C-alpha cells in the first residue's frame, strides 16, 4: 500500500494508478464532450431568456464583441493565457480543498477566479460558452431553434406520459 503524502486526503490516489492511457484518454474525451454540450445548453438557455437584451442590448453586443476576439487570438498567445488561467484555477482548487466549510470554499474560489476573468485569460470550457454565445443573430435563430427542438420534445414526452398512464411500456 502506498504511503499517504503530507496534507493528502486519505481517499486520494494517484491519477495514473490502475488506469491505462486509453482509459484516461477516453475519460478526458467524455469530460470534454460533456463540458461542450453543457456549455451549449447554457447558451441555449441564455438566448431563450433574452439575457442579451439587458441594458439596451449592451450585454448581447459585448458578447458579440468578445467571441470573435477570443476566436482570433494567435495560437501562442491563447496558449500562454491558458497557462496563466490554469495557475489561478489550480490555486482555486487547492484553496477550496484546504477550506473546511462551504463559506470558506466559496471565498477560496472567488479570489483566484476573479482575476482570471478580469485579466481575460483563456479557459477552454469558458470559451465553449462565450464563443457560441457571441454568434450574431441568435435572436433571429431563436424560432428556428425552438420549433424543431422543443416542440417535438414536448410532444414526445406527452406521448410517453400517455403510454405510461395506459399501462403499456414504452
Foldseek 3Di string as FASTA:
>chain_A
DDDDDPPDDPPDDDPPPPDDPVRVVVVVVVVVVVLLVVLVVVLLVCLVVVVCPPPNNPNLVVLLVVQVVLVPDPPVVLVVLQVLLVVLQVQLVVQLVVDDDPVSNVVSNVVSVVVNVVVVRDDPSVSSNSNVSNDPPSNVCSVVVCVVPPPVVVVVVVVCVVCVVVPHHD
